[in-house]
Structure formats: C-alpha cells, structure tokens
Amino acid sequence: MIHVHQIGDIRITGLTEYIGPTHDPKVLYPDWDPAFLDRHDSWLNNDFWFKNLGRLVIGIQIWIVHAGDRVILIDTGVGNHKPRGPERMHMLNTLVPQWLAAAGASFDQVTDVVMTHLHSDHVGWNTVPDGQGGWQPAFPNARYVMPETDIAHFRALFEAAPQDDPSFGDSIAPILEAGLVDFVEDGDLIAGHLRAQSAPGHTPGQTIYWIDDRAVFCADLFHHPLQISEPHLNTAYCVLPDEARASRRAFLERAAQTGALIFPCHFGGSHCGTIGRDGEQYSYLPADPAAAQRF
C-alpha cells in the first residue's frame, strides 16, 4: 500500500514493505504485563492487535519525502534476497523497486537516503546485488546520511560475530566503501528540510528528523502505539534502556505540545498520527486514512 500526506509544500509518502500480526508482546517487551491489553482494550482493534493470535501488528514503513527538488527516503526497510535471522525477514522477494517508482522515488530519482538508525530492518534497500555475489548501492545519485555513533556500534558487533547479523556487511559497508556516507549530528539540517535530533536508547546513535514542528520521523522510539500510552515500555532491542525511556518521554512532550504528525516505522492502521495528552497520560490519535491521498 502507498499512501500520501501533505505537509505544506512537502509530500510524504508511506510505502509498506510488509505488515501483519507478527510479534508476541511477551517477546517484544521484556516488561510486558497482560493488564496493558485490558487497560487499552477500547482502541486495540485489528489495526494493532489480533487477540485470537496473541500477536501485535507490526509493519515496515519506508517514508518518502518530496520537498522541492529533493527525493528523500527515511530508512530503507529489510530489502530483498538478504539473509536475516527472523523468518519473516529472511530472503524477501517483494516489489519494493516498482512501488518506489510508482511513488516517484525510483532508484535513479532518490537524492538522499536518511538513516534513523542502523538496525537491519531499516537499512536493507541501501544495497542491491552487484551481479558478482556482492552488493552495490541501490541509489546511484544519492548521498546516504547515517549516525556515526551507530556505525561504530554496529561495525563492532559485525566484526565480533558476522554470522549473528550480516546486515552491516551487506547493507552498510558497501555504502561506506563507495564514499557515499555523510555523518549526521544533533541539530544538523539534512537535505534542506529535515532537522536532526539525537534520540539515543534504542540504539546509541538513533536520530529522529523534524520538519519544523509540523511533522517528525520518529524512528523506533515506538514499535507499537502501546508505548505511547505506556512510555516506560522498552523493546528487547533497546541497547540503552534508561536513555530509551528518557528519549521517548521527551519526544512525547514535544509532539503533544506541537501537534506534529508523527511518522513511525512500524505502526499498523493509518501508520501515522498525532499525540494526545491528558495530564501525564499520552495517547495515540491515528491519522484519518480518508484524509490521505492514495495511489
């Protein structure tokens, strides 16, 4: 599915690589409490939760930003033909290249590839097979923006145990070797439109990107809307748990105050929305899917 949201003169397109009821909450969240389901039963429909399966709905979104003459990707999903540990990600064979072209973001059209962090489900389409058993950059006319702290972190993990997660080798290293990487730091203006903000915790270098106070690509501060209402919940993949909670709470305060449209990577439903606040309690307000242009 391809869906479009307009922020002033900027067009934001969401491309869903895949989505489904995939995650056992007890596995995703180490501090899981079944009482959360009762507490939030009023909105946990099948956009977010399949009670009969006991699984949370998790998707992979690739966000595309058309701003002036820039065609910007925010993260690049899992990618095709890549060996991955989770079965749902292993050796995918999707039509993402055709879907990108349909959204006006073909491999040749993309000018900027912006990484929020370097987990394997955010970097996969950075590269494609080179025809000789290796990998080459997928977007020949683009610069790739990455948090340098994450590069150091994931390089060390890959060099220690490449068999555990080969994504650095097949999706990051070829871009570095091609000299296509620009490092991002807190406060940088990226591609003329995206203001970088450091949001460490999920990974050491996780970075989110704001379009003024109107929209924000909030990476993996949240895997599921439950973390908005239960912001103490970290995933099992949060490297720095205390920093992850602090980054999440600071973000919720700003997003609720500004009314920014938030664009996470993994939400079901309309995939984006705003943050409501009642005292110290936050809630997720999904964007109206009828208000989004669809191809």
Protein backbone atom coordinates (compact mmCIF):
# COMPACT_ATOMS: atom_id res chain seq x y z
CA MET A 1 0.00 0.00 0.00
CA ILE A 2 1.18 3.50 -0.85
CA HIS A 3 -0.40 6.44 0.97
CA VAL A 4 0.33 10.17 0.85
CA HIS A 5 0.18 13.02 3.36
CA GLN A 6 0.75 16.69 2.56
CA ILE A 7 2.65 18.97 4.95
CA GLY A 8 2.53 22.40 3.32
CA ASP A 9 4.52 22.07 0.09
CA ILE A 10 6.11 18.82 1.24
CA ARG A 11 4.64 15.47 0.20
CA ILE A 12 5.23 12.49 2.48
CA THR A 13 4.53 9.06 1.06
CA GLY A 14 4.43 5.88 3.09
CA LEU A 15 5.37 2.63 1.40
CA THR A 16 4.56 -0.54 3.34
CA GLU A 17 7.16 -3.24 2.70
CA TYR A 18 5.14 -5.74 4.74
CA ILE A 19 2.74 -5.76 7.68
CA GLY A 20 0.91 -8.28 9.82
CA PRO A 21 0.23 -9.73 13.27
CA THR A 22 3.82 -10.84 13.77
CA HIS A 23 5.03 -10.12 17.31
CA ASP A 24 4.33 -11.83 20.62
CA PRO A 25 4.23 -8.92 23.09
CA LYS A 26 5.90 -11.02 25.79
CA VAL A 27 8.91 -11.40 23.49
CA LEU A 28 8.99 -7.85 22.14
CA TYR A 29 8.65 -6.21 25.55
CA PRO A 30 10.64 -7.66 28.49
CA ASP A 31 8.43 -5.76 30.98
CA TRP A 32 5.18 -6.86 29.39
CA ASP A 33 2.08 -7.01 31.60
CA PRO A 34 -1.13 -8.62 30.22
CA ALA A 35 -3.04 -5.90 32.09
CA PHE A 36 -1.98 -3.49 29.33
CA LEU A 37 -4.42 -5.23 27.00
CA ASP A 38 -7.36 -4.69 29.33
CA ARG A 39 -6.32 -1.10 30.01
CA HIS A 40 -6.29 -0.22 26.31
CA ASP A 41 -8.94 -2.58 25.02
CA SER A 42 -11.09 0.30 23.72
CA TRP A 43 -8.71 1.05 20.83
CA LEU A 44 -6.80 -2.21 20.32
CA ASN A 45 -8.64 -3.27 17.17
CA ASN A 46 -7.16 -5.38 14.38
CA ASP A 47 -5.16 -2.43 13.09
CA PHE A 48 -2.92 -3.00 16.10
CA TRP A 49 -3.65 -6.33 17.84
CA PHE A 50 -5.05 -9.77 16.96
CA LYS A 51 -6.48 -11.18 20.16
CA ASN A 52 -7.14 -14.61 18.66
CA LEU A 53 -3.45 -14.95 17.72
CA GLY A 54 -1.97 -13.07 20.66
CA ARG A 55 0.12 -11.01 18.28
CA LEU A 56 0.79 -7.30 17.83
CA VAL A 57 0.52 -5.84 14.34
CA ILE A 58 3.93 -4.60 13.24
CA GLY A 59 4.82 -3.25 9.81
CA ILE A 60 7.81 -1.93 7.92
CA GLN A 61 7.32 1.56 6.50
CA ILE A 62 9.66 3.28 4.10
CA TRP A 63 8.89 7.01 4.22
CA ILE A 64 9.45 9.08 1.08
CA VAL A 65 9.72 12.87 1.24
CA HIS A 66 9.28 15.02 -1.86
CA ALA A 67 10.49 18.52 -0.99
CA GLY A 68 11.43 20.90 -3.79
CA ASP A 69 13.95 19.10 -5.96
CA ARG A 70 14.82 16.54 -3.25
CA VAL A 71 13.51 12.98 -3.12
CA ILE A 72 14.39 11.70 0.34
CA LEU A 73 14.00 8.22 1.80
CA ILE A 74 13.74 7.85 5.56
CA ASP A 75 15.13 4.35 6.24
CA THR A 76 15.03 1.59 3.66
CA GLY A 77 13.35 -1.43 5.22
CA VAL A 78 14.51 -5.03 5.05
CA GLY A 79 15.43 -5.39 1.39
CA ASN A 80 15.30 -8.34 -0.99
CA HIS A 81 17.41 -11.51 -1.12
CA LYS A 82 19.17 -10.83 2.17
CA PRO A 83 19.86 -13.49 4.83
CA ARG A 84 18.20 -12.47 8.08
CA GLY A 85 17.56 -14.29 11.35
CA PRO A 86 13.81 -13.71 11.73
CA GLU A 87 11.89 -15.88 9.29
CA ARG A 88 9.56 -13.02 8.37
CA MET A 89 12.57 -11.03 7.08
CA HIS A 90 14.67 -13.80 5.57
CA MET A 91 15.32 -13.63 1.81
CA LEU A 92 12.37 -11.42 0.96
CA ASN A 93 11.31 -11.06 -2.67
CA THR A 94 8.94 -8.10 -2.81
CA LEU A 95 8.13 -5.48 -5.46
CA VAL A 96 9.57 -2.56 -3.50
CA PRO A 97 11.56 -1.22 -6.51
CA GLN A 98 8.38 -1.00 -8.58
CA TRP A 99 6.46 0.51 -5.64
CA LEU A 100 9.16 3.14 -5.17
CA ALA A 101 8.92 4.04 -8.84
CA ALA A 102 5.13 4.28 -8.57
CA ALA A 103 5.60 6.77 -5.72
CA GLY A 104 8.02 8.92 -7.73
CA ALA A 105 11.11 7.61 -5.94
CA SER A 106 12.79 5.20 -8.33
CA PHE A 107 16.37 4.18 -7.64
CA ASP A 108 17.63 6.91 -10.02
CA GLN A 109 15.31 9.62 -8.67
CA VAL A 110 16.27 9.42 -4.98
CA THR A 111 18.65 12.22 -3.93
CA ASP A 112 19.04 11.49 -0.20
CA VAL A 113 18.81 8.31 1.90
CA VAL A 114 18.47 9.24 5.57
CA MET A 115 19.03 6.62 8.27
CA THR A 116 17.40 7.00 11.68
CA HIS A 117 19.49 4.11 12.99
CA LEU A 118 21.20 1.01 11.64
CA HIS A 119 19.11 -1.99 12.66
CA SER A 120 18.72 -4.49 9.83
CA ASP A 121 15.05 -3.66 9.16
CA HIS A 122 15.97 -0.02 8.43
CA VAL A 123 18.91 -0.40 6.04
CA GLY A 124 18.12 -3.26 3.67
CA TRP A 125 17.36 -1.38 0.46
CA ASN A 126 20.57 0.61 0.78
CA THR A 127 22.10 -2.01 -1.49
CA VAL A 128 21.15 -4.45 -4.24
CA PRO A 129 23.06 -7.39 -5.75
CA ASP A 130 26.01 -6.37 -7.92
CA GLY A 131 25.76 -9.47 -10.14
CA GLN A 132 29.05 -10.86 -8.84
CA GLY A 133 27.94 -12.22 -5.49
CA GLY A 134 28.29 -8.92 -3.65
CA TRP A 135 26.31 -5.75 -3.03
CA GLN A 136 26.28 -2.28 -4.55
CA PRO A 137 24.49 0.97 -3.65
CA ALA A 138 20.87 0.90 -4.79
CA PHE A 139 20.50 4.66 -5.26
CA PRO A 140 23.31 5.82 -7.57
CA ASN A 141 22.51 9.53 -7.35
CA ALA A 142 22.00 9.73 -3.57
CA ARG A 143 24.05 10.61 -0.54
CA TYR A 144 23.44 8.38 2.46
CA VAL A 145 23.10 10.09 5.85
CA MET A 146 23.92 7.96 8.91
CA PRO A 147 24.58 8.49 12.64
CA GLU A 148 28.29 7.93 13.16
CA THR A 149 27.76 6.53 16.67
CA ASP A 150 25.67 3.73 15.23
CA ILE A 151 28.26 2.95 12.59
CA ALA A 152 30.88 2.37 15.28
CA HIS A 153 28.44 0.30 17.37
CA PHE A 154 27.23 -1.98 14.58
CA ARG A 155 30.66 -2.33 12.99
CA ALA A 156 31.99 -3.69 16.28
CA LEU A 157 29.11 -6.17 16.58
CA PHE A 158 29.58 -7.33 12.98
CA GLU A 159 33.34 -7.76 13.31
CA ALA A 160 32.87 -9.78 16.53
CA ALA A 161 30.15 -12.09 15.16
CA PRO A 162 29.22 -11.53 11.50
CA GLN A 163 27.03 -14.62 11.46
CA ASP A 164 24.68 -13.14 14.09
CA ASP A 165 23.60 -10.21 11.93
CA PRO A 166 25.12 -9.82 8.46
CA SER A 167 23.29 -6.54 7.72
CA PHE A 168 26.30 -4.31 8.37
CA GLY A 169 28.27 -6.28 5.82
CA ASP A 170 25.66 -6.34 3.07
CA SER A 171 23.86 -3.02 3.61
CA ILE A 172 26.22 -0.56 5.34
CA ALA A 173 29.80 -1.47 4.48
CA PRO A 174 29.29 -1.20 0.69
CA ILE A 175 27.96 2.34 1.11
CA LEU A 176 30.92 3.34 3.29
CA GLU A 177 33.36 1.79 0.83
CA ALA A 178 31.75 3.74 -2.03
CA GLY A 179 32.33 7.01 -0.16
CA LEU A 180 28.62 7.90 -0.21
CA VAL A 181 28.07 8.44 3.54
CA ASP A 182 27.61 11.75 5.33
CA PHE A 183 27.53 11.63 9.13
CA VAL A 184 24.65 13.34 10.93
CA GLU A 185 24.89 15.13 14.27
CA ASP A 186 22.29 16.61 16.58
CA GLY A 187 20.88 19.84 15.13
CA ASP A 188 22.03 19.30 11.55
CA LEU A 189 19.73 20.37 8.72
CA ILE A 190 19.53 17.45 6.30
CA ALA A 191 18.61 17.78 2.62
CA GLY A 192 17.48 21.34 3.29
CA HIS A 193 14.33 20.28 5.13
CA LEU A 194 14.93 17.77 7.96
CA ARG A 195 16.26 18.90 11.35
CA ALA A 196 18.13 16.09 13.11
CA GLN A 197 17.58 15.43 16.80
CA SER A 198 19.55 12.85 18.75
CA ALA A 199 17.24 10.30 20.42
CA PRO A 200 19.55 7.61 21.84
CA GLY A 201 18.48 4.49 23.65
CA HIS A 202 17.03 2.09 21.13
CA THR A 203 20.47 2.32 19.56
CA PRO A 204 23.32 4.53 20.73
CA GLY A 205 23.02 6.84 17.74
CA GLN A 206 19.31 6.79 16.95
CA THR A 207 18.32 10.10 15.35
CA ILE A 208 14.87 11.48 14.58
CA TYR A 209 14.07 14.12 11.97
CA TRP A 210 11.67 17.06 12.25
CA ILE A 211 10.05 19.17 9.57
CA ASP A 212 9.73 22.31 11.68
CA ASP A 213 7.19 21.34 14.37
CA ARG A 214 4.71 20.04 11.80
CA ALA A 215 5.96 16.51 11.20
CA VAL A 216 8.57 14.15 12.59
CA PHE A 217 10.09 10.82 11.56
CA CYS A 218 10.42 9.24 14.99
CA ALA A 219 12.27 6.04 14.13
CA ASP A 220 11.95 3.29 16.76
CA LEU A 221 11.12 5.42 19.76
CA PHE A 222 7.98 3.31 19.44
CA HIS A 223 7.41 -0.07 17.81
CA HIS A 224 3.72 -0.02 18.67
CA PRO A 225 1.21 2.61 19.87
CA LEU A 226 1.07 0.89 23.27
CA GLN A 227 4.42 2.53 24.04
CA ILE A 228 2.80 5.95 23.72
CA SER A 229 0.34 5.15 26.48
CA GLU A 230 2.91 3.06 28.39
CA PRO A 231 6.14 5.01 27.71
CA HIS A 232 8.20 3.02 30.21
CA LEU A 233 7.96 0.01 27.87
CA ASN A 234 11.23 -0.71 26.09
CA THR A 235 11.63 -3.34 23.43
CA ALA A 236 14.07 -6.19 23.83
CA TYR A 237 16.22 -4.38 21.24
CA CYS A 238 16.77 -1.17 23.22
CA VAL A 239 20.53 -1.05 23.84
CA LEU A 240 20.42 1.69 26.48
CA PRO A 241 17.17 1.19 28.42
CA ASP A 242 17.26 4.29 30.63
CA GLU A 243 18.18 6.56 27.74
CA ALA A 244 15.46 4.99 25.60
CA ARG A 245 12.80 5.87 28.18
CA ALA A 246 14.15 9.41 28.56
CA SER A 247 14.18 9.98 24.80
CA ARG A 248 10.63 8.61 24.50
CA ARG A 249 9.21 10.84 27.24
CA ALA A 250 10.94 13.96 25.92
CA PHE A 251 9.58 13.25 22.47
CA LEU A 252 6.03 12.70 23.71
CA GLU A 253 6.06 16.05 25.49
CA ARG A 254 7.22 17.93 22.41
CA ALA A 255 4.96 16.07 19.98
CA ALA A 256 1.89 16.58 22.14
CA GLN A 257 2.67 20.27 22.58
CA THR A 258 3.26 20.95 18.89
CA GLY A 259 0.60 18.66 17.41
CA ALA A 260 3.16 17.34 14.93
CA LEU A 261 2.17 14.46 12.69
CA ILE A 262 4.39 11.56 13.74
CA PHE A 263 5.72 9.04 11.23
CA PRO A 264 7.00 5.89 12.99
CA CYS A 265 8.39 2.94 11.08
CA HIS A 266 6.34 0.09 12.48
CA PHE A 267 2.73 1.14 13.25
CA GLY A 268 -0.33 -0.53 11.79
CA GLY A 269 -3.57 1.22 10.93
CA SER A 270 -3.01 4.50 9.14
CA HIS A 271 0.70 4.21 10.06
CA CYS A 272 0.94 7.79 11.32
CA GLY A 273 -0.94 10.15 13.63
CA THR A 274 -0.63 12.68 16.43
CA ILE A 275 -0.10 12.53 20.19
CA GLY A 276 -2.87 13.41 22.62
CA ARG A 277 -2.26 14.34 26.24
CA ASP A 278 -4.45 14.32 29.34
CA GLY A 279 -2.33 15.34 32.33
CA GLU A 280 0.55 12.90 32.41
CA GLN A 281 -1.22 10.37 30.18
CA TYR A 282 -0.44 10.25 26.47
CA SER A 283 -2.46 8.61 23.71
CA TYR A 284 -2.05 7.86 20.03
CA LEU A 285 -4.51 9.53 17.66
CA PRO A 286 -4.29 7.78 14.26
CA ALA A 287 -4.47 9.99 11.21
CA ASP A 288 -7.73 9.69 9.32
CA PRO A 289 -6.97 7.33 6.42
CA ALA A 290 -9.69 9.04 4.39
CA ALA A 291 -7.66 12.26 4.54
CA ALA A 292 -4.64 10.64 2.88
CA GLN A 293 -4.35 10.59 -0.89
CA ARG A 294 -3.88 7.08 -2.19
CA PHE A 295 -2.35 5.93 -5.46
